[in-house]
Amino acid sequence: MMNDGISIEGPLDIDVAAIARINEAQFRGNRGSIPHAKKWISRLKSSFPIYQYYVLLVHGRVAGYVGWQLHGGFLREEPPVELEQIAFAQEFQGKGLALRLIEKSFKMVAEFLHQESPLAQQAVSFVWTYEDNAPALKMYRKWFNGEVRGTRNLYGKVEVMLSRIVPLAAE
């Protein structure tokens, strides 16, 4: 654990119930039902290594989580890796923790990909977010190099995609 009381853990030793509480509070798909959120998180966790959860702990308490989803198989030269979901408990939002979680957890994903696939030298990391979600876009632009690479209309709202090519081999 780092001196500031913050650590990042995953992908297997995670607190599903803590992630479910955050998920239920932050996302419509499970709002109002912690049991449904827990079922959703558990099923995604069971699809490891295709889906990998990482948690950010503050003094041992789950403050937030990120879910990375691998696409397209293990033998791709540039495997696509989606930041599928990230969320924080209300009291930990706006404190700069999300970028820290993204950076550290992706290093763990990259280590996994580098070991799993002898062909992969880099990954294409990407995220979709609502076009009008200014706080998320501001944070994502820092890690995903700022440029919008695509748009889609999903659930009646426009989403934008940001992406970044990330080397997998240690330099």
N, C-alpha and C. Protein backbone atom coordinates (compact mmCIF):
# COMPACT_ATOMS: atom_id res chain seq x y z
N MET A 1 0.84 -1.18 0.00
CA MET A 1 0.00 0.00 0.00
C MET A 1 0.89 1.24 0.00
N MET A 2 0.44 2.25 -0.71
CA MET A 2 1.20 3.48 -0.81
C MET A 2 1.04 4.31 0.46
N ASN A 3 1.93 5.26 0.69
CA ASN A 3 1.91 6.08 1.89
C ASN A 3 0.63 6.88 2.07
N ASP A 4 -0.06 7.20 0.99
CA ASP A 4 -1.28 8.01 1.10
C ASP A 4 -2.53 7.18 1.39
N GLY A 5 -2.35 5.89 1.67
CA GLY A 5 -3.49 5.04 2.01
C GLY A 5 -4.26 4.55 0.80
N ILE A 6 -3.75 4.78 -0.40
CA ILE A 6 -4.44 4.37 -1.62
C ILE A 6 -3.73 3.18 -2.24
N SER A 7 -4.50 2.17 -2.59
CA SER A 7 -3.96 1.02 -3.30
C SER A 7 -4.95 0.58 -4.36
N ILE A 8 -4.45 -0.19 -5.32
CA ILE A 8 -5.29 -0.71 -6.39
C ILE A 8 -5.12 -2.21 -6.41
N GLU A 9 -6.24 -2.92 -6.42
CA GLU A 9 -6.22 -4.37 -6.39
C GLU A 9 -7.10 -4.94 -7.49
N GLY A 10 -6.80 -6.16 -7.85
CA GLY A 10 -7.59 -6.86 -8.84
C GLY A 10 -6.66 -7.73 -9.66
N PRO A 11 -7.16 -8.48 -10.56
CA PRO A 11 -8.55 -8.56 -10.96
C PRO A 11 -9.38 -9.60 -10.20
N LEU A 12 -8.74 -10.50 -9.46
CA LEU A 12 -9.50 -11.60 -8.86
C LEU A 12 -9.93 -11.35 -7.42
N ASP A 13 -9.10 -10.71 -6.64
CA ASP A 13 -9.43 -10.47 -5.24
C ASP A 13 -10.13 -9.13 -5.09
N ILE A 14 -11.40 -9.11 -5.44
CA ILE A 14 -12.18 -7.88 -5.35
C ILE A 14 -13.42 -8.11 -4.50
N ASP A 15 -13.94 -7.05 -3.94
CA ASP A 15 -15.12 -7.09 -3.10
C ASP A 15 -16.36 -6.83 -3.98
N VAL A 16 -16.99 -7.89 -4.42
CA VAL A 16 -18.14 -7.79 -5.31
C VAL A 16 -19.25 -6.96 -4.68
N ALA A 17 -19.52 -7.15 -3.40
CA ALA A 17 -20.60 -6.42 -2.74
C ALA A 17 -20.32 -4.91 -2.72
N ALA A 18 -19.06 -4.52 -2.50
CA ALA A 18 -18.71 -3.09 -2.49
C ALA A 18 -18.86 -2.49 -3.88
N ILE A 19 -18.43 -3.22 -4.89
CA ILE A 19 -18.59 -2.74 -6.27
C ILE A 19 -20.07 -2.62 -6.60
N ALA A 20 -20.87 -3.59 -6.17
CA ALA A 20 -22.31 -3.57 -6.44
C ALA A 20 -22.98 -2.35 -5.82
N ARG A 21 -22.56 -1.97 -4.62
CA ARG A 21 -23.16 -0.79 -3.98
C ARG A 21 -22.85 0.48 -4.80
N ILE A 22 -21.63 0.58 -5.29
CA ILE A 22 -21.26 1.74 -6.10
C ILE A 22 -22.01 1.70 -7.43
N ASN A 23 -22.05 0.52 -8.06
CA ASN A 23 -22.74 0.36 -9.34
C ASN A 23 -24.21 0.73 -9.22
N GLU A 24 -24.86 0.25 -8.18
CA GLU A 24 -26.29 0.53 -7.98
C GLU A 24 -26.56 2.01 -7.83
N ALA A 25 -25.65 2.72 -7.20
CA ALA A 25 -25.83 4.16 -6.98
C ALA A 25 -25.51 4.99 -8.22
N GLN A 26 -24.64 4.48 -9.09
CA GLN A 26 -24.13 5.32 -10.18
C GLN A 26 -24.69 5.00 -11.57
N PHE A 27 -25.26 3.82 -11.77
CA PHE A 27 -25.69 3.42 -13.11
C PHE A 27 -27.15 3.00 -13.13
N ARG A 28 -27.86 3.49 -14.14
CA ARG A 28 -29.28 3.21 -14.30
C ARG A 28 -29.64 1.74 -14.36
N GLY A 29 -28.79 0.96 -15.00
CA GLY A 29 -29.11 -0.44 -15.26
C GLY A 29 -29.39 -1.27 -14.02
N ASN A 30 -28.85 -0.84 -12.88
CA ASN A 30 -29.07 -1.58 -11.63
C ASN A 30 -29.57 -0.68 -10.50
N ARG A 31 -29.93 0.56 -10.82
CA ARG A 31 -30.35 1.50 -9.79
C ARG A 31 -31.55 0.97 -9.02
N GLY A 32 -31.44 1.05 -7.71
CA GLY A 32 -32.53 0.62 -6.86
C GLY A 32 -32.48 -0.84 -6.47
N SER A 33 -31.48 -1.58 -6.96
CA SER A 33 -31.43 -3.01 -6.64
C SER A 33 -29.98 -3.47 -6.47
N ILE A 34 -29.52 -3.46 -5.23
CA ILE A 34 -28.18 -3.97 -4.97
C ILE A 34 -28.07 -5.46 -5.32
N PRO A 35 -29.11 -6.30 -5.06
CA PRO A 35 -29.00 -7.70 -5.47
C PRO A 35 -28.78 -7.88 -6.99
N HIS A 36 -29.47 -7.07 -7.80
CA HIS A 36 -29.25 -7.16 -9.25
C HIS A 36 -27.86 -6.66 -9.63
N ALA A 37 -27.41 -5.60 -8.99
CA ALA A 37 -26.05 -5.10 -9.25
C ALA A 37 -25.02 -6.17 -8.88
N LYS A 38 -25.23 -6.81 -7.76
CA LYS A 38 -24.29 -7.86 -7.31
C LYS A 38 -24.28 -9.02 -8.31
N LYS A 39 -25.44 -9.42 -8.79
CA LYS A 39 -25.52 -10.50 -9.78
C LYS A 39 -24.77 -10.10 -11.05
N TRP A 40 -24.98 -8.87 -11.52
CA TRP A 40 -24.34 -8.36 -12.74
C TRP A 40 -22.81 -8.37 -12.57
N ILE A 41 -22.33 -7.83 -11.47
CA ILE A 41 -20.89 -7.75 -11.21
C ILE A 41 -20.30 -9.16 -11.10
N SER A 42 -20.98 -10.04 -10.39
CA SER A 42 -20.50 -11.42 -10.21
C SER A 42 -20.36 -12.14 -11.54
N ARG A 43 -21.34 -11.95 -12.41
CA ARG A 43 -21.28 -12.64 -13.70
C ARG A 43 -20.17 -12.09 -14.58
N LEU A 44 -19.98 -10.78 -14.57
CA LEU A 44 -18.86 -10.23 -15.33
C LEU A 44 -17.53 -10.69 -14.75
N LYS A 45 -17.42 -10.70 -13.43
CA LYS A 45 -16.18 -11.14 -12.79
C LYS A 45 -15.87 -12.59 -13.18
N SER A 46 -16.90 -13.41 -13.29
CA SER A 46 -16.69 -14.82 -13.62
C SER A 46 -16.21 -15.02 -15.06
N SER A 47 -16.28 -13.98 -15.88
CA SER A 47 -15.80 -14.11 -17.26
C SER A 47 -14.31 -13.76 -17.39
N PHE A 48 -13.62 -13.60 -16.26
CA PHE A 48 -12.18 -13.36 -16.28
C PHE A 48 -11.51 -14.44 -17.13
N PRO A 49 -10.58 -14.12 -17.98
CA PRO A 49 -9.87 -12.85 -18.14
C PRO A 49 -10.46 -11.91 -19.18
N ILE A 50 -11.60 -12.31 -19.79
CA ILE A 50 -12.21 -11.45 -20.80
C ILE A 50 -12.64 -10.12 -20.18
N TYR A 51 -13.15 -10.17 -18.96
CA TYR A 51 -13.55 -8.96 -18.23
C TYR A 51 -12.74 -8.94 -16.94
N GLN A 52 -12.11 -7.80 -16.67
CA GLN A 52 -11.26 -7.68 -15.50
C GLN A 52 -11.65 -6.45 -14.67
N TYR A 53 -12.00 -6.69 -13.41
CA TYR A 53 -12.31 -5.62 -12.47
C TYR A 53 -11.07 -5.28 -11.65
N TYR A 54 -10.91 -3.99 -11.39
CA TYR A 54 -9.88 -3.50 -10.47
C TYR A 54 -10.56 -2.49 -9.55
N VAL A 55 -10.13 -2.47 -8.30
CA VAL A 55 -10.71 -1.54 -7.33
C VAL A 55 -9.64 -0.61 -6.80
N LEU A 56 -10.04 0.60 -6.49
CA LEU A 56 -9.17 1.55 -5.81
C LEU A 56 -9.65 1.60 -4.37
N LEU A 57 -8.71 1.32 -3.47
CA LEU A 57 -9.01 1.33 -2.04
C LEU A 57 -8.41 2.57 -1.40
N VAL A 58 -9.16 3.18 -0.51
CA VAL A 58 -8.66 4.28 0.30
C VAL A 58 -8.72 3.81 1.75
N HIS A 59 -7.55 3.63 2.34
CA HIS A 59 -7.45 3.09 3.70
C HIS A 59 -8.28 1.82 3.86
N GLY A 60 -8.17 0.93 2.85
CA GLY A 60 -8.82 -0.36 2.89
C GLY A 60 -10.27 -0.39 2.45
N ARG A 61 -10.85 0.75 2.16
CA ARG A 61 -12.26 0.82 1.74
C ARG A 61 -12.34 0.99 0.23
N VAL A 62 -13.25 0.23 -0.42
CA VAL A 62 -13.43 0.36 -1.86
C VAL A 62 -14.05 1.72 -2.15
N ALA A 63 -13.28 2.56 -2.83
CA ALA A 63 -13.74 3.91 -3.19
C ALA A 63 -14.29 3.94 -4.60
N GLY A 64 -13.77 3.05 -5.46
CA GLY A 64 -14.20 3.02 -6.85
C GLY A 64 -13.70 1.77 -7.54
N TYR A 65 -14.17 1.59 -8.76
CA TYR A 65 -13.76 0.42 -9.52
C TYR A 65 -13.73 0.75 -11.01
N VAL A 66 -13.02 -0.08 -11.75
CA VAL A 66 -13.00 -0.01 -13.20
C VAL A 66 -13.15 -1.41 -13.74
N GLY A 67 -13.85 -1.55 -14.87
CA GLY A 67 -13.97 -2.82 -15.57
C GLY A 67 -13.40 -2.68 -16.96
N TRP A 68 -12.40 -3.50 -17.26
CA TRP A 68 -11.78 -3.54 -18.59
C TRP A 68 -12.26 -4.78 -19.31
N GLN A 69 -12.69 -4.64 -20.57
CA GLN A 69 -13.16 -5.77 -21.35
C GLN A 69 -12.24 -5.98 -22.55
N LEU A 70 -11.72 -7.20 -22.68
CA LEU A 70 -10.88 -7.56 -23.81
C LEU A 70 -11.77 -8.03 -24.95
N HIS A 71 -11.41 -7.62 -26.17
CA HIS A 71 -12.20 -7.98 -27.35
C HIS A 71 -11.33 -8.73 -28.36
N GLY A 72 -11.93 -9.67 -29.08
CA GLY A 72 -11.33 -10.21 -30.28
C GLY A 72 -10.33 -11.34 -30.14
N GLY A 73 -10.18 -11.95 -29.01
CA GLY A 73 -9.28 -13.08 -28.87
C GLY A 73 -7.91 -12.69 -28.35
N PHE A 74 -7.12 -13.69 -27.99
CA PHE A 74 -5.82 -13.45 -27.35
C PHE A 74 -4.66 -13.35 -28.33
N LEU A 75 -4.86 -13.73 -29.58
CA LEU A 75 -3.73 -13.76 -30.50
C LEU A 75 -3.71 -12.59 -31.49
N ARG A 76 -4.28 -11.50 -31.12
CA ARG A 76 -4.25 -10.31 -31.98
C ARG A 76 -2.97 -9.53 -31.73
N GLU A 77 -2.46 -8.91 -32.78
CA GLU A 77 -1.25 -8.09 -32.63
C GLU A 77 -1.55 -6.80 -31.88
N GLU A 78 -2.76 -6.29 -32.04
CA GLU A 78 -3.20 -5.08 -31.32
C GLU A 78 -4.56 -5.37 -30.68
N PRO A 79 -4.58 -6.07 -29.56
CA PRO A 79 -5.88 -6.40 -28.96
C PRO A 79 -6.64 -5.15 -28.51
N PRO A 80 -7.93 -5.08 -28.82
CA PRO A 80 -8.75 -3.97 -28.34
C PRO A 80 -9.15 -4.22 -26.89
N VAL A 81 -9.01 -3.19 -26.07
CA VAL A 81 -9.34 -3.28 -24.66
C VAL A 81 -10.22 -2.08 -24.31
N GLU A 82 -11.45 -2.38 -23.92
CA GLU A 82 -12.41 -1.31 -23.63
C GLU A 82 -12.48 -1.02 -22.14
N LEU A 83 -12.37 0.25 -21.81
CA LEU A 83 -12.71 0.69 -20.45
C LEU A 83 -14.24 0.70 -20.45
N GLU A 84 -14.81 -0.40 -19.98
CA GLU A 84 -16.24 -0.60 -20.13
C GLU A 84 -17.04 0.14 -19.06
N GLN A 85 -16.47 0.28 -17.87
CA GLN A 85 -17.19 0.98 -16.81
C GLN A 85 -16.23 1.42 -15.73
N ILE A 86 -16.46 2.62 -15.23
CA ILE A 86 -15.70 3.13 -14.08
C ILE A 86 -16.67 3.92 -13.23
N ALA A 87 -16.54 3.77 -11.93
CA ALA A 87 -17.43 4.51 -11.02
C ALA A 87 -16.78 4.62 -9.65
N PHE A 88 -17.19 5.66 -8.94
CA PHE A 88 -16.71 5.91 -7.58
C PHE A 88 -17.88 6.21 -6.68
N ALA A 89 -17.72 5.85 -5.41
CA ALA A 89 -18.69 6.25 -4.41
C ALA A 89 -18.73 7.77 -4.39
N GLN A 90 -19.88 8.33 -4.11
CA GLN A 90 -20.10 9.78 -4.19
C GLN A 90 -19.01 10.59 -3.46
N GLU A 91 -18.64 10.16 -2.27
CA GLU A 91 -17.68 10.94 -1.48
C GLU A 91 -16.26 10.92 -2.04
N PHE A 92 -16.00 10.05 -3.03
CA PHE A 92 -14.67 9.98 -3.63
C PHE A 92 -14.62 10.56 -5.04
N GLN A 93 -15.73 11.08 -5.51
CA GLN A 93 -15.76 11.67 -6.85
C GLN A 93 -15.11 13.05 -6.85
N GLY A 94 -14.49 13.40 -7.98
CA GLY A 94 -13.89 14.72 -8.14
C GLY A 94 -12.58 14.92 -7.39
N LYS A 95 -11.94 13.85 -7.00
CA LYS A 95 -10.70 13.94 -6.23
C LYS A 95 -9.47 13.49 -7.03
N GLY A 96 -9.63 13.28 -8.34
CA GLY A 96 -8.51 12.87 -9.17
C GLY A 96 -8.15 11.40 -9.07
N LEU A 97 -9.02 10.60 -8.47
CA LEU A 97 -8.72 9.19 -8.28
C LEU A 97 -8.97 8.35 -9.53
N ALA A 98 -9.88 8.78 -10.39
CA ALA A 98 -10.23 7.99 -11.57
C ALA A 98 -9.04 7.81 -12.50
N LEU A 99 -8.33 8.87 -12.77
CA LEU A 99 -7.17 8.77 -13.66
C LEU A 99 -6.11 7.85 -13.07
N ARG A 100 -5.93 7.93 -11.79
CA ARG A 100 -4.97 7.06 -11.10
C ARG A 100 -5.38 5.59 -11.24
N LEU A 101 -6.66 5.32 -11.09
CA LEU A 101 -7.17 3.95 -11.23
C LEU A 101 -7.01 3.46 -12.67
N ILE A 102 -7.32 4.30 -13.63
CA ILE A 102 -7.17 3.91 -15.04
C ILE A 102 -5.72 3.58 -15.35
N GLU A 103 -4.82 4.47 -14.98
CA GLU A 103 -3.40 4.27 -15.30
C GLU A 103 -2.84 3.00 -14.68
N LYS A 104 -3.06 2.80 -13.41
CA LYS A 104 -2.50 1.65 -12.71
C LYS A 104 -3.15 0.35 -13.15
N SER A 105 -4.48 0.35 -13.29
CA SER A 105 -5.16 -0.89 -13.67
C SER A 105 -4.82 -1.29 -15.10
N PHE A 106 -4.67 -0.29 -15.99
CA PHE A 106 -4.32 -0.67 -17.35
C PHE A 106 -2.92 -1.28 -17.42
N LYS A 107 -2.02 -0.82 -16.57
CA LYS A 107 -0.69 -1.46 -16.52
C LYS A 107 -0.83 -2.94 -16.18
N MET A 108 -1.75 -3.26 -15.28
CA MET A 108 -1.98 -4.66 -14.91
C MET A 108 -2.59 -5.43 -16.08
N VAL A 109 -3.54 -4.83 -16.78
CA VAL A 109 -4.13 -5.45 -17.97
C VAL A 109 -3.04 -5.67 -19.03
N ALA A 110 -2.21 -4.67 -19.23
CA ALA A 110 -1.13 -4.77 -20.23
C ALA A 110 -0.16 -5.89 -19.89
N GLU A 111 0.17 -6.05 -18.61
CA GLU A 111 1.05 -7.15 -18.19
C GLU A 111 0.41 -8.49 -18.52
N PHE A 112 -0.88 -8.62 -18.26
CA PHE A 112 -1.60 -9.85 -18.58
C PHE A 112 -1.54 -10.12 -20.08
N LEU A 113 -1.85 -9.10 -20.90
CA LEU A 113 -1.85 -9.28 -22.35
C LEU A 113 -0.46 -9.63 -22.88
N HIS A 114 0.55 -8.99 -22.33
CA HIS A 114 1.92 -9.25 -22.77
C HIS A 114 2.31 -10.71 -22.49
N GLN A 115 1.87 -11.24 -21.35
CA GLN A 115 2.17 -12.63 -21.01
C GLN A 115 1.31 -13.62 -21.80
N GLU A 116 0.06 -13.24 -22.03
CA GLU A 116 -0.90 -14.15 -22.67
C GLU A 116 -0.68 -14.28 -24.17
N SER A 117 -0.28 -13.22 -24.82
CA SER A 117 -0.18 -13.22 -26.27
C SER A 117 1.22 -12.84 -26.73
N PRO A 118 1.92 -13.79 -27.33
CA PRO A 118 3.26 -13.49 -27.81
C PRO A 118 3.28 -12.51 -28.99
N LEU A 119 2.16 -12.37 -29.68
CA LEU A 119 2.09 -11.48 -30.84
C LEU A 119 1.83 -10.03 -30.47
N ALA A 120 1.18 -9.80 -29.35
CA ALA A 120 0.74 -8.45 -28.99
C ALA A 120 1.90 -7.58 -28.53
N GLN A 121 2.11 -6.49 -29.23
CA GLN A 121 3.13 -5.52 -28.86
C GLN A 121 2.49 -4.24 -28.31
N GLN A 122 1.23 -4.03 -28.67
CA GLN A 122 0.50 -2.87 -28.19
C GLN A 122 -0.99 -3.19 -28.18
N ALA A 123 -1.73 -2.41 -27.43
CA ALA A 123 -3.18 -2.59 -27.34
C ALA A 123 -3.86 -1.30 -27.78
N VAL A 124 -5.06 -1.45 -28.30
CA VAL A 124 -5.89 -0.29 -28.61
C VAL A 124 -6.90 -0.18 -27.48
N SER A 125 -6.69 0.78 -26.62
CA SER A 125 -7.59 1.00 -25.48
C SER A 125 -8.62 2.04 -25.90
N PHE A 126 -9.88 1.81 -25.52
CA PHE A 126 -10.91 2.78 -25.89
C PHE A 126 -12.00 2.85 -24.83
N VAL A 127 -12.75 3.94 -24.89
CA VAL A 127 -13.87 4.16 -23.97
C VAL A 127 -14.97 4.89 -24.72
N TRP A 128 -16.21 4.58 -24.37
CA TRP A 128 -17.38 5.31 -24.85
C TRP A 128 -17.98 6.07 -23.67
N THR A 129 -18.40 7.29 -23.90
CA THR A 129 -19.08 8.06 -22.86
C THR A 129 -20.08 9.01 -23.53
N TYR A 130 -21.07 9.43 -22.76
CA TYR A 130 -22.05 10.36 -23.31
C TYR A 130 -21.37 11.68 -23.67
N GLU A 131 -21.75 12.19 -24.81
CA GLU A 131 -21.19 13.43 -25.34
C GLU A 131 -21.37 14.60 -24.37
N ASP A 132 -22.45 14.59 -23.60
CA ASP A 132 -22.73 15.70 -22.67
C ASP A 132 -22.21 15.45 -21.25
N ASN A 133 -21.42 14.42 -21.06
CA ASN A 133 -20.86 14.11 -19.74
C ASN A 133 -19.50 14.81 -19.60
N ALA A 134 -19.56 16.12 -19.38
CA ALA A 134 -18.34 16.94 -19.36
C ALA A 134 -17.29 16.48 -18.35
N PRO A 135 -17.65 16.14 -17.12
CA PRO A 135 -16.61 15.69 -16.18
C PRO A 135 -15.88 14.43 -16.66
N ALA A 136 -16.63 13.46 -17.18
CA ALA A 136 -15.99 12.23 -17.67
C ALA A 136 -15.12 12.52 -18.88
N LEU A 137 -15.63 13.31 -19.81
CA LEU A 137 -14.84 13.64 -21.00
C LEU A 137 -13.54 14.34 -20.64
N LYS A 138 -13.60 15.24 -19.70
CA LYS A 138 -12.39 15.96 -19.28
C LYS A 138 -11.34 14.98 -18.75
N MET A 139 -11.77 14.05 -17.92
CA MET A 139 -10.85 13.07 -17.36
C MET A 139 -10.36 12.10 -18.43
N TYR A 140 -11.27 11.60 -19.27
CA TYR A 140 -10.87 10.65 -20.30
C TYR A 140 -9.89 11.27 -21.29
N ARG A 141 -10.07 12.53 -21.61
CA ARG A 141 -9.16 13.19 -22.57
C ARG A 141 -7.71 13.17 -22.06
N LYS A 142 -7.52 13.16 -20.77
CA LYS A 142 -6.16 13.13 -20.21
C LYS A 142 -5.46 11.81 -20.51
N TRP A 143 -6.18 10.71 -20.43
CA TRP A 143 -5.54 9.42 -20.65
C TRP A 143 -5.66 8.92 -22.08
N PHE A 144 -6.76 9.23 -22.73
CA PHE A 144 -7.01 8.74 -24.09
C PHE A 144 -6.57 9.73 -25.16
N ASN A 145 -5.71 10.65 -24.81
CA ASN A 145 -5.09 11.58 -25.75
C ASN A 145 -6.05 12.58 -26.39
N GLY A 146 -7.21 12.77 -25.82
CA GLY A 146 -8.06 13.89 -26.14
C GLY A 146 -8.94 13.85 -27.36
N GLU A 147 -8.60 13.10 -28.38
CA GLU A 147 -9.33 13.18 -29.64
C GLU A 147 -10.49 12.19 -29.69
N VAL A 148 -11.65 12.69 -30.11
CA VAL A 148 -12.82 11.83 -30.31
C VAL A 148 -12.61 11.05 -31.60
N ARG A 149 -12.76 9.73 -31.52
CA ARG A 149 -12.50 8.86 -32.68
C ARG A 149 -13.78 8.32 -33.32
N GLY A 150 -14.91 8.49 -32.67
CA GLY A 150 -16.15 8.00 -33.25
C GLY A 150 -17.34 8.41 -32.41
N THR A 151 -18.53 8.25 -32.98
CA THR A 151 -19.76 8.55 -32.26
C THR A 151 -20.78 7.45 -32.54
N ARG A 152 -21.76 7.33 -31.63
CA ARG A 152 -22.88 6.43 -31.82
C ARG A 152 -24.05 6.97 -31.02
N ASN A 153 -25.24 6.55 -31.40
CA ASN A 153 -26.43 6.95 -30.68
C ASN A 153 -26.97 5.69 -30.01
N LEU A 154 -26.80 5.64 -28.70
CA LEU A 154 -27.20 4.46 -27.95
C LEU A 154 -28.08 4.91 -26.79
N TYR A 155 -29.17 4.23 -26.59
CA TYR A 155 -30.11 4.58 -25.52
C TYR A 155 -30.66 6.00 -25.68
N GLY A 156 -30.73 6.48 -26.92
CA GLY A 156 -31.31 7.79 -27.20
C GLY A 156 -30.39 8.96 -26.93
N LYS A 157 -29.12 8.70 -26.67
CA LYS A 157 -28.15 9.77 -26.42
C LYS A 157 -26.90 9.52 -27.25
N VAL A 158 -26.26 10.58 -27.65
CA VAL A 158 -25.03 10.46 -28.43
C VAL A 158 -23.87 10.14 -27.50
N GLU A 159 -23.10 9.11 -27.88
CA GLU A 159 -21.89 8.76 -27.17
C GLU A 159 -20.70 9.02 -28.08
N VAL A 160 -19.57 9.34 -27.46
CA VAL A 160 -18.33 9.54 -28.20
C VAL A 160 -17.31 8.52 -27.72
N MET A 161 -16.42 8.15 -28.65
CA MET A 161 -15.37 7.20 -28.32
C MET A 161 -14.03 7.91 -28.36
N LEU A 162 -13.23 7.67 -27.34
CA LEU A 162 -11.85 8.11 -27.31
C LEU A 162 -10.99 6.85 -27.28
N SER A 163 -9.82 6.91 -27.88
CA SER A 163 -8.96 5.73 -27.88
C SER A 163 -7.50 6.13 -27.75
N ARG A 164 -6.70 5.13 -27.48
CA ARG A 164 -5.26 5.33 -27.30
C ARG A 164 -4.55 4.01 -27.61
N ILE A 165 -3.44 4.09 -28.29
CA ILE A 165 -2.60 2.92 -28.51
C ILE A 165 -1.58 2.89 -27.39
N VAL A 166 -1.49 1.74 -26.72
CA VAL A 166 -0.63 1.62 -25.54
C VAL A 166 0.35 0.46 -25.76
N PRO A 167 1.67 0.73 -25.66
CA PRO A 167 2.63 -0.37 -25.77
C PRO A 167 2.44 -1.36 -24.62
N LEU A 168 2.62 -2.64 -24.91
CA LEU A 168 2.46 -3.66 -23.89
C LEU A 168 3.80 -4.11 -23.30
N ALA A 169 4.81 -4.07 -24.10
CA ALA A 169 6.14 -4.50 -23.62
C ALA A 169 6.76 -3.42 -22.76
N ALA A 170 7.45 -3.86 -21.72
CA ALA A 170 8.14 -2.90 -20.84
C ALA A 170 9.26 -2.23 -21.63
N GLU A 171 9.36 -0.94 -21.47
CA GLU A 171 10.38 -0.19 -22.20
C GLU A 171 11.56 0.11 -21.34
